[in-house]
Amino acid sequence: MKVNSFHVSQMAVSIRIDSARLLKLYFIMEIELITKEDLRQLRVQLLEDIKQHFASQSAQKTQWLKSAQVRAMLSISPGTLQTLRVKGTLKHTKIGGSFYYSHEDIQTLLKSGHQLI
């Protein structure tokens, strides 16, 4: 298609296509200037937010451990872990088909000097 005229006025752009049809496109724009200082403040704020996010995420990440992680941490077999679970020596939570163990409970078990094997 051939563009016959292009007109810009205030916040509207009009494009006349051929001479029979008129296509109007309206752009609503708000212009804001961003200074280098604004970008510096944004960078500082983003870095601070990222640090807080990862600090809280790492604290939450170590709160619950899966069976494989507990076995590796305690150097025990799946059967030994099951025995600790069945006897109630190590508290657990079952979600779906997976067992989860509190990191705090494992630390308490280790400090108690309980015989694991």
Protein backbone atom coordinates (compact mmCIF):
# COMPACT_ATOMS: atom_id res chain seq x y z
CA MET A 1 0.00 0.00 0.00
CA LYS A 2 1.18 3.44 -0.79
CA VAL A 3 1.17 6.08 1.96
CA ASN A 4 0.08 9.42 0.57
CA SER A 5 0.47 11.56 3.69
CA PHE A 6 1.76 11.38 7.22
CA HIS A 7 0.46 13.83 9.81
CA VAL A 8 1.46 14.20 13.46
CA SER A 9 -0.53 16.46 15.73
CA GLN A 10 -0.66 16.41 19.49
CA MET A 11 -1.08 12.77 20.54
CA ALA A 12 -2.52 11.32 17.34
CA VAL A 13 -0.90 9.98 14.20
CA SER A 14 -2.99 9.88 11.03
CA ILE A 15 -1.98 7.87 7.99
CA ARG A 16 -3.88 8.36 4.75
CA ILE A 17 -3.85 5.23 2.65
CA ASP A 18 -4.76 5.67 -0.99
CA SER A 19 -7.22 8.52 -1.08
CA ALA A 20 -10.38 6.71 -0.09
CA ARG A 21 -9.59 5.27 3.37
CA LEU A 22 -8.25 6.96 6.50
CA LEU A 23 -6.54 4.94 9.21
CA LYS A 24 -6.06 6.69 12.55
CA LEU A 25 -3.71 5.43 15.21
CA TYR A 26 -3.84 7.08 18.60
CA PHE A 27 -0.83 6.99 20.87
CA ILE A 28 -1.19 8.09 24.44
CA MET A 29 2.27 8.73 25.77
CA GLU A 30 3.55 10.25 28.92
CA ILE A 31 7.11 11.43 28.70
CA GLU A 32 9.33 11.11 31.73
CA LEU A 33 13.01 11.84 31.84
CA ILE A 34 15.25 9.39 33.65
CA THR A 35 18.50 10.76 34.95
CA LYS A 36 21.72 8.92 35.71
CA GLU A 37 21.00 9.44 39.41
CA ASP A 38 17.60 7.76 39.00
CA LEU A 39 19.30 4.77 37.36
CA ARG A 40 21.90 4.60 40.12
CA GLN A 41 19.18 4.59 42.79
CA LEU A 42 17.29 1.90 40.89
CA ARG A 43 20.44 -0.24 40.69
CA VAL A 44 21.09 0.12 44.42
CA GLN A 45 17.47 -0.76 45.24
CA LEU A 46 17.48 -3.78 42.91
CA LEU A 47 20.72 -5.10 44.40
CA GLU A 48 19.32 -4.71 47.91
CA ASP A 49 16.09 -6.50 46.95
CA ILE A 50 18.05 -9.35 45.35
CA LYS A 51 20.23 -9.75 48.45
CA GLN A 52 17.16 -9.89 50.72
CA HIS A 53 15.45 -12.39 48.43
CA PHE A 54 18.40 -14.78 48.38
CA ALA A 55 18.99 -14.42 52.13
CA SER A 56 15.39 -15.39 52.92
CA GLN A 57 15.41 -18.14 50.28
CA SER A 58 18.56 -19.79 51.65
CA ALA A 59 17.09 -19.77 55.16
CA GLN A 60 13.91 -21.43 53.88
CA LYS A 61 15.84 -23.85 51.68
CA THR A 62 17.65 -25.53 54.57
CA GLN A 63 14.56 -25.78 56.77
CA TRP A 64 13.26 -29.04 55.22
CA LEU A 65 15.32 -31.89 53.79
CA LYS A 66 14.31 -34.89 51.68
CA SER A 67 15.22 -38.47 52.61
CA ALA A 68 18.23 -38.65 50.27
CA GLN A 69 19.67 -35.46 51.78
CA VAL A 70 19.19 -36.77 55.33
CA ARG A 71 20.79 -40.12 54.46
CA ALA A 72 23.80 -38.35 52.96
CA MET A 73 24.06 -35.99 55.94
CA LEU A 74 23.92 -38.83 58.49
CA SER A 75 25.72 -41.42 56.32
CA ILE A 76 22.96 -43.99 56.84
CA SER A 77 21.07 -46.43 54.62
CA PRO A 78 17.42 -46.11 53.57
CA GLY A 79 16.54 -48.92 56.01
CA THR A 80 18.19 -47.13 58.94
CA LEU A 81 16.32 -43.94 58.09
CA GLN A 82 13.08 -45.92 57.97
CA THR A 83 13.86 -47.43 61.40
CA LEU A 84 14.44 -43.93 62.84
CA ARG A 85 11.13 -42.85 61.34
CA VAL A 86 9.13 -45.88 62.55
CA LYS A 87 10.51 -45.73 66.10
CA GLY A 88 9.72 -42.02 66.28
CA THR A 89 13.37 -41.11 66.84
CA LEU A 90 13.29 -38.72 63.88
CA LYS A 91 10.11 -36.76 63.21
CA HIS A 92 9.00 -36.52 59.61
CA THR A 93 6.30 -35.10 57.38
CA LYS A 94 4.98 -36.97 54.37
CA ILE A 95 3.79 -34.93 51.42
CA GLY A 96 2.64 -36.98 48.48
CA GLY A 97 5.10 -39.85 48.31
CA SER A 98 8.07 -37.97 49.76
CA PHE A 99 9.27 -37.72 53.35
CA TYR A 100 10.59 -34.41 54.64
CA TYR A 101 12.65 -33.88 57.78
CA SER A 102 13.24 -30.71 59.74
CA HIS A 103 16.86 -29.58 59.69
CA GLU A 104 16.43 -28.57 63.34
CA ASP A 105 15.25 -32.09 64.30
CA ILE A 106 18.28 -33.64 62.63
CA GLN A 107 20.61 -31.28 64.50
CA THR A 108 18.85 -32.19 67.77
CA LEU A 109 19.28 -35.90 66.99
CA LEU A 110 22.99 -35.43 66.34
CA LYS A 111 23.49 -33.41 69.54
CA SER A 112 21.66 -36.02 71.62
CA GLY A 113 24.33 -38.59 70.78
CA HIS A 114 21.70 -41.17 69.78
CA GLN A 115 23.18 -44.31 68.22
CA LEU A 116 22.16 -44.19 64.52
CA ILE A 117 23.46 -47.59 63.40
